[in-house]
Amino acid sequence: MNRGTLQRWVRAGFIPAPKAEIIDGKLVKCWTEKEIAKIKEFKTESYRGKGMDRRKGSRAKQKGAK
């Protein structure tokens, strides 16, 4: 997933914000495995197969479409 997409989803409240921690003097933001599963579920339900096919410049085919 694109970083910008994840940031947009966090701002919109679709997914939780990653937890921030300092590890070896560096700020690290990460999700738990449970949160990652929820993010993947949201993506599958909301975005897979929708939008533009960037390679062809046309609408992407919907699952089950003829």
N, C-alpha and C. Protein backbone atom coordinates (compact mmCIF):
# COMPACT_ATOMS: atom_id res chain seq x y z
N MET A 1 0.83 -1.18 0.00
CA MET A 1 0.00 0.00 0.00
C MET A 1 0.87 1.24 0.00
N ASN A 2 0.39 2.26 -0.62
CA ASN A 2 1.10 3.51 -0.71
C ASN A 2 1.04 4.27 0.62
N ARG A 3 2.14 4.88 0.99
CA ARG A 3 2.21 5.64 2.25
C ARG A 3 1.17 6.76 2.29
N GLY A 4 1.01 7.46 1.18
CA GLY A 4 0.03 8.53 1.11
C GLY A 4 -1.39 8.03 1.32
N THR A 5 -1.68 6.85 0.78
CA THR A 5 -3.00 6.25 0.96
C THR A 5 -3.25 5.95 2.42
N LEU A 6 -2.26 5.37 3.09
CA LEU A 6 -2.40 5.05 4.51
C LEU A 6 -2.61 6.31 5.33
N GLN A 7 -1.86 7.37 5.03
CA GLN A 7 -2.01 8.63 5.76
C GLN A 7 -3.40 9.22 5.54
N ARG A 8 -3.91 9.13 4.32
CA ARG A 8 -5.26 9.63 4.02
C ARG A 8 -6.31 8.83 4.79
N TRP A 9 -6.16 7.51 4.85
CA TRP A 9 -7.11 6.67 5.58
C TRP A 9 -7.07 6.98 7.08
N VAL A 10 -5.88 7.25 7.63
CA VAL A 10 -5.77 7.60 9.05
C VAL A 10 -6.49 8.92 9.30
N ARG A 11 -6.24 9.93 8.46
CA ARG A 11 -6.89 11.24 8.64
C ARG A 11 -8.41 11.12 8.55
N ALA A 12 -8.90 10.27 7.66
CA ALA A 12 -10.35 10.10 7.47
C ALA A 12 -10.96 9.22 8.57
N GLY A 13 -10.13 8.57 9.37
CA GLY A 13 -10.62 7.73 10.45
C GLY A 13 -11.00 6.32 10.04
N PHE A 14 -10.61 5.91 8.83
CA PHE A 14 -10.91 4.56 8.36
C PHE A 14 -10.06 3.51 9.07
N ILE A 15 -8.83 3.88 9.41
CA ILE A 15 -7.91 2.96 10.07
C ILE A 15 -7.27 3.68 11.25
N PRO A 16 -6.77 2.94 12.25
CA PRO A 16 -6.14 3.58 13.41
C PRO A 16 -4.76 4.14 13.04
N ALA A 17 -4.36 5.18 13.75
CA ALA A 17 -3.02 5.73 13.55
C ALA A 17 -1.99 4.77 14.13
N PRO A 18 -0.82 4.68 13.49
CA PRO A 18 0.22 3.79 14.04
C PRO A 18 0.75 4.33 15.36
N LYS A 19 1.18 3.44 16.22
CA LYS A 19 1.76 3.84 17.50
C LYS A 19 3.19 4.32 17.28
N ALA A 20 3.54 5.42 17.92
CA ALA A 20 4.89 5.98 17.78
C ALA A 20 5.74 5.55 18.98
N GLU A 21 6.95 5.08 18.69
CA GLU A 21 7.91 4.67 19.71
C GLU A 21 9.28 5.17 19.33
N ILE A 22 10.14 5.34 20.31
CA ILE A 22 11.53 5.69 20.03
C ILE A 22 12.36 4.43 20.25
N ILE A 23 13.02 3.98 19.18
CA ILE A 23 13.85 2.78 19.23
C ILE A 23 15.24 3.17 18.74
N ASP A 24 16.23 2.93 19.56
CA ASP A 24 17.62 3.29 19.26
C ASP A 24 17.74 4.75 18.86
N GLY A 25 16.99 5.62 19.55
CA GLY A 25 17.08 7.06 19.30
C GLY A 25 16.33 7.53 18.06
N LYS A 26 15.56 6.65 17.41
CA LYS A 26 14.82 7.02 16.21
C LYS A 26 13.33 6.85 16.45
N LEU A 27 12.54 7.77 15.91
CA LEU A 27 11.09 7.68 16.00
C LEU A 27 10.60 6.65 14.99
N VAL A 28 9.89 5.65 15.48
CA VAL A 28 9.37 4.58 14.63
C VAL A 28 7.87 4.50 14.86
N LYS A 29 7.12 4.44 13.76
CA LYS A 29 5.67 4.30 13.85
C LYS A 29 5.29 2.95 13.26
N CYS A 30 4.47 2.19 14.00
CA CYS A 30 4.08 0.87 13.50
C CYS A 30 2.73 0.47 14.05
N TRP A 31 2.10 -0.48 13.33
CA TRP A 31 0.84 -1.05 13.75
C TRP A 31 1.09 -2.44 14.31
N THR A 32 0.17 -2.91 15.14
CA THR A 32 0.24 -4.29 15.62
C THR A 32 -0.23 -5.21 14.50
N GLU A 33 0.03 -6.50 14.64
CA GLU A 33 -0.42 -7.45 13.62
C GLU A 33 -1.94 -7.45 13.51
N LYS A 34 -2.63 -7.28 14.63
CA LYS A 34 -4.08 -7.23 14.64
C LYS A 34 -4.58 -6.01 13.85
N GLU A 35 -3.92 -4.86 14.03
CA GLU A 35 -4.30 -3.65 13.30
C GLU A 35 -4.01 -3.80 11.80
N ILE A 36 -2.90 -4.44 11.47
CA ILE A 36 -2.56 -4.65 10.06
C ILE A 36 -3.62 -5.54 9.40
N ALA A 37 -4.11 -6.54 10.12
CA ALA A 37 -5.17 -7.41 9.58
C ALA A 37 -6.43 -6.59 9.30
N LYS A 38 -6.76 -5.66 10.21
CA LYS A 38 -7.94 -4.80 10.00
C LYS A 38 -7.74 -3.87 8.82
N ILE A 39 -6.53 -3.36 8.64
CA ILE A 39 -6.22 -2.48 7.50
C ILE A 39 -6.38 -3.25 6.20
N LYS A 40 -5.85 -4.47 6.14
CA LYS A 40 -5.97 -5.29 4.94
C LYS A 40 -7.43 -5.62 4.65
N GLU A 41 -8.20 -5.88 5.70
CA GLU A 41 -9.62 -6.17 5.53
C GLU A 41 -10.35 -4.94 4.98
N PHE A 42 -10.03 -3.75 5.51
CA PHE A 42 -10.65 -2.52 5.00
C PHE A 42 -10.31 -2.33 3.53
N LYS A 43 -9.06 -2.56 3.17
CA LYS A 43 -8.64 -2.39 1.78
C LYS A 43 -9.40 -3.36 0.87
N THR A 44 -9.50 -4.61 1.28
CA THR A 44 -10.18 -5.61 0.47
C THR A 44 -11.65 -5.25 0.27
N GLU A 45 -12.31 -4.83 1.34
CA GLU A 45 -13.74 -4.49 1.27
C GLU A 45 -14.00 -3.21 0.48
N SER A 46 -13.07 -2.27 0.55
CA SER A 46 -13.35 -0.94 0.02
C SER A 46 -12.69 -0.59 -1.30
N TYR A 47 -11.54 -1.18 -1.61
CA TYR A 47 -10.77 -0.67 -2.73
C TYR A 47 -10.37 -1.66 -3.79
N ARG A 48 -10.31 -2.92 -3.52
CA ARG A 48 -9.80 -3.88 -4.49
C ARG A 48 -10.68 -3.92 -5.74
N GLY A 49 -10.08 -3.70 -6.89
CA GLY A 49 -10.79 -3.78 -8.15
C GLY A 49 -11.58 -2.55 -8.53
N LYS A 50 -11.43 -1.47 -7.77
CA LYS A 50 -12.17 -0.25 -8.07
C LYS A 50 -11.23 0.79 -8.64
N GLY A 51 -11.79 1.80 -9.26
CA GLY A 51 -10.98 2.92 -9.73
C GLY A 51 -10.46 2.73 -11.13
N MET A 52 -9.40 3.45 -11.45
CA MET A 52 -8.84 3.46 -12.80
C MET A 52 -7.75 2.40 -12.94
N ASP A 53 -7.69 1.81 -14.11
CA ASP A 53 -6.58 0.92 -14.46
C ASP A 53 -5.52 1.86 -15.04
N ARG A 54 -4.51 2.15 -14.28
CA ARG A 54 -3.51 3.15 -14.69
C ARG A 54 -2.72 2.72 -15.92
N ARG A 55 -2.63 1.42 -16.17
CA ARG A 55 -1.90 0.95 -17.34
C ARG A 55 -2.66 1.22 -18.63
N LYS A 56 -3.99 1.11 -18.57
CA LYS A 56 -4.81 1.25 -19.77
C LYS A 56 -5.53 2.58 -19.85
N GLY A 57 -5.64 3.30 -18.72
CA GLY A 57 -6.34 4.57 -18.72
C GLY A 57 -7.85 4.43 -18.78
N SER A 58 -8.36 3.26 -18.36
CA SER A 58 -9.80 3.03 -18.38
C SER A 58 -10.24 2.51 -17.02
N ARG A 59 -11.55 2.41 -16.84
CA ARG A 59 -12.06 1.90 -15.58
C ARG A 59 -11.62 0.46 -15.38
N ALA A 60 -11.25 0.12 -14.16
CA ALA A 60 -10.86 -1.25 -13.84
C ALA A 60 -12.09 -2.15 -13.88
N LYS A 61 -11.90 -3.39 -14.26
CA LYS A 61 -13.01 -4.34 -14.29
C LYS A 61 -13.39 -4.72 -12.87
N GLN A 62 -14.68 -4.77 -12.61
CA GLN A 62 -15.18 -5.19 -11.30
C GLN A 62 -15.19 -6.72 -11.24
N LYS A 63 -15.01 -7.26 -10.06
CA LYS A 63 -15.06 -8.71 -9.89
C LYS A 63 -16.45 -9.20 -10.30
N GLY A 64 -16.49 -10.25 -11.06
CA GLY A 64 -17.75 -10.82 -11.50
C GLY A 64 -18.37 -10.11 -12.69
N ALA A 65 -17.73 -9.03 -13.17
CA ALA A 65 -18.26 -8.29 -14.32
C ALA A 65 -17.92 -9.04 -15.61
N LYS A 66 -18.78 -8.87 -16.60
CA LYS A 66 -18.55 -9.56 -17.90
C LYS A 66 -17.95 -8.62 -18.90
